[in-house]
Amino acid sequence: MHSIVLLIWLTLCAAQDARQRHIANGLTVGAGAFALAYLLWSGSTWLGAPAEQGAWAALLALAFTLPGYALRRLGGGDVKLMIALGLATDGRHVLGVFIGAGLASVCWLALAPRVWLYMGQGLRGRLLYLQPGVSKKQPFAPFLLVGLLLTFAWLR
């Protein structure tokens, strides 16, 4: 059940990022505050890892995302999203999500020019910022969602 809640949350973040290239603070900071409160109250992360692993996962997420933010490849919402994800999961999940997102991003960059032509106009309108060649700074949350799905498949 906890995994489904995490997937729904990340799906909302990914949809907003793909449509607006922005993730609302209510989704990122709100989820991070909830994950931190749950961690402190229960002594474990949302997915059941010990609290120490959640803290280390949040620091790992920060270490992975700050260089991208400094180079203007990632937005602040992506950094906050990964920290919230770290507080809710553990280091293995953060590492898996980040690797899976990287692989999904590379696959999208390679396949998007061909796939984009065959997508329906309504779908292209909803995923406007994922259009190939529009920007060097693509929304990252949709790829994080793919990374989370791959991580869940791998670790379960």
Protein backbone atom coordinates (compact mmCIF):
# COMPACT_ATOMS: atom_id res chain seq x y z
CA MET A 1 0.00 0.00 0.00
CA HIS A 2 2.81 2.42 0.85
CA SER A 3 4.42 1.81 -2.54
CA ILE A 4 1.18 2.72 -4.30
CA VAL A 5 0.93 6.01 -2.40
CA LEU A 6 4.52 6.78 -3.37
CA LEU A 7 3.75 5.98 -7.03
CA ILE A 8 0.65 8.19 -7.02
CA TRP A 9 2.61 11.08 -5.52
CA LEU A 10 5.45 10.76 -8.01
CA THR A 11 2.95 10.42 -10.88
CA LEU A 12 1.37 13.74 -9.86
CA CYS A 13 4.81 15.36 -9.72
CA ALA A 14 5.78 13.89 -13.11
CA ALA A 15 2.54 15.02 -14.76
CA GLN A 16 2.94 18.55 -13.48
CA ASP A 17 6.60 18.67 -14.49
CA ALA A 18 5.87 17.37 -18.00
CA ARG A 19 3.06 19.92 -18.50
CA GLN A 20 4.59 22.99 -16.85
CA ARG A 21 8.27 22.19 -16.32
CA HIS A 22 7.64 23.05 -12.69
CA ILE A 23 6.72 21.04 -9.59
CA ALA A 24 4.68 22.81 -6.92
CA ASN A 25 6.20 23.16 -3.46
CA GLY A 26 3.03 21.63 -2.04
CA LEU A 27 3.93 18.37 -3.75
CA THR A 28 7.64 18.38 -2.93
CA VAL A 29 8.01 20.20 0.38
CA GLY A 30 4.67 18.85 1.58
CA ALA A 31 5.66 15.27 0.84
CA GLY A 32 9.10 15.86 2.35
CA ALA A 33 7.58 17.26 5.55
CA PHE A 34 5.16 14.33 5.73
CA ALA A 35 8.00 11.83 5.16
CA LEU A 36 10.14 13.52 7.81
CA ALA A 37 7.27 13.59 10.32
CA TYR A 38 6.52 9.92 9.64
CA LEU A 39 10.21 9.09 9.99
CA LEU A 40 10.49 10.87 13.35
CA TRP A 41 7.17 9.53 14.66
CA SER A 42 7.57 5.87 13.65
CA GLY A 43 11.35 5.50 13.61
CA SER A 44 11.25 4.16 10.07
CA THR A 45 10.77 5.46 6.56
CA TRP A 46 7.48 5.24 4.66
CA LEU A 47 8.68 1.99 3.05
CA GLY A 48 9.85 0.52 6.36
CA ALA A 49 13.61 1.14 6.38
CA PRO A 50 15.24 2.31 9.63
CA ALA A 51 15.25 6.08 10.17
CA GLU A 52 19.02 6.28 9.75
CA GLN A 53 18.74 4.85 6.23
CA GLY A 54 16.14 7.47 5.36
CA ALA A 55 18.42 10.25 6.58
CA TRP A 56 21.35 8.87 4.60
CA ALA A 57 19.12 8.46 1.54
CA ALA A 58 18.10 12.13 1.77
CA LEU A 59 21.77 13.15 1.94
CA LEU A 60 22.54 10.84 -0.99
CA ALA A 61 19.71 12.43 -2.98
CA LEU A 62 21.11 15.85 -2.18
CA ALA A 63 24.58 14.78 -3.30
CA PHE A 64 23.18 13.41 -6.58
CA THR A 65 21.04 16.42 -7.44
CA LEU A 66 23.00 19.46 -6.27
CA PRO A 67 25.60 19.24 -9.07
CA GLY A 68 22.80 19.13 -11.67
CA TYR A 69 21.14 22.09 -9.97
CA ALA A 70 24.40 24.04 -9.89
CA LEU A 71 24.92 23.37 -13.62
CA ARG A 72 21.28 24.41 -14.28
CA ARG A 73 20.35 20.95 -15.59
CA LEU A 74 17.91 20.25 -12.74
CA GLY A 75 15.39 22.55 -11.14
CA GLY A 76 14.85 23.14 -7.46
CA GLY A 77 11.70 21.01 -7.59
CA ASP A 78 13.75 18.03 -8.75
CA VAL A 79 16.13 18.46 -5.81
CA LYS A 80 13.27 18.74 -3.30
CA LEU A 81 11.50 15.76 -4.88
CA MET A 82 14.57 13.54 -4.56
CA ILE A 83 15.14 14.61 -0.93
CA ALA A 84 11.51 13.79 -0.11
CA LEU A 85 11.92 10.45 -1.89
CA GLY A 86 15.04 9.76 0.17
CA LEU A 87 13.21 10.51 3.42
CA ALA A 88 10.41 8.16 2.38
CA THR A 89 12.56 5.25 1.16
CA ASP A 90 16.21 4.26 1.61
CA GLY A 91 19.55 4.50 -0.18
CA ARG A 92 18.92 1.54 -2.47
CA HIS A 93 15.71 3.10 -3.74
CA VAL A 94 17.30 6.52 -4.25
CA LEU A 95 20.22 5.00 -6.12
CA GLY A 96 17.90 2.80 -8.20
CA VAL A 97 15.57 5.69 -9.03
CA PHE A 98 18.47 7.92 -10.04
CA ILE A 99 20.08 5.25 -12.24
CA GLY A 100 16.71 4.28 -13.74
CA ALA A 101 15.92 7.94 -14.44
CA GLY A 102 19.26 8.38 -16.16
CA LEU A 103 18.67 5.33 -18.34
CA ALA A 104 15.11 6.43 -19.15
CA SER A 105 16.36 9.91 -20.03
CA VAL A 106 19.00 8.57 -22.40
CA CYS A 107 16.46 6.25 -24.03
CA TRP A 108 14.01 9.13 -24.44
CA LEU A 109 16.67 11.35 -26.03
CA ALA A 110 17.49 8.56 -28.48
CA LEU A 111 13.92 7.52 -29.30
CA ALA A 112 11.94 10.74 -28.93
CA PRO A 113 12.59 12.19 -32.40
CA ARG A 114 11.06 9.07 -33.98
CA VAL A 115 8.32 8.41 -31.39
CA TRP A 116 7.16 12.03 -31.17
CA LEU A 117 5.93 12.00 -34.77
CA TYR A 118 3.52 9.13 -34.08
CA MET A 119 2.09 10.44 -30.81
CA GLY A 120 -1.42 11.90 -30.82
CA GLN A 121 -1.75 15.66 -30.83
CA GLY A 122 -3.52 15.68 -27.45
CA LEU A 123 -0.75 13.69 -25.80
CA ARG A 124 1.92 15.88 -27.38
CA GLY A 125 0.11 18.92 -26.01
CA ARG A 126 0.16 17.47 -22.51
CA LEU A 127 3.83 16.50 -22.74
CA LEU A 128 4.90 19.73 -24.42
CA TYR A 129 8.16 20.12 -22.51
CA LEU A 130 9.26 16.58 -23.35
CA GLN A 131 9.28 17.43 -27.05
CA PRO A 132 12.69 16.67 -28.56
CA GLY A 133 14.83 19.72 -29.17
CA VAL A 134 12.61 22.18 -27.26
CA SER A 135 15.04 22.73 -24.41
CA LYS A 136 18.30 21.43 -23.06
CA LYS A 137 16.66 21.32 -19.60
CA GLN A 138 13.96 18.67 -19.90
CA PRO A 139 11.55 17.83 -17.07
CA PHE A 140 13.23 15.22 -14.89
CA ALA A 141 10.30 14.01 -12.77
CA PRO A 142 8.79 11.84 -15.55
CA PHE A 143 12.10 10.01 -15.78
CA LEU A 144 12.24 9.69 -11.98
CA LEU A 145 8.83 8.02 -12.17
CA VAL A 146 10.18 5.50 -14.68
CA GLY A 147 13.20 5.02 -12.42
CA LEU A 148 10.94 4.31 -9.44
CA LEU A 149 8.92 1.77 -11.43
CA LEU A 150 12.14 0.04 -12.53
CA THR A 151 13.45 0.10 -8.96
CA PHE A 152 10.27 -1.42 -7.58
CA ALA A 153 10.42 -4.13 -10.24
CA TRP A 154 14.10 -4.82 -9.48
CA LEU A 155 13.92 -4.80 -5.67
CA ARG A 156 10.65 -6.67 -5.23
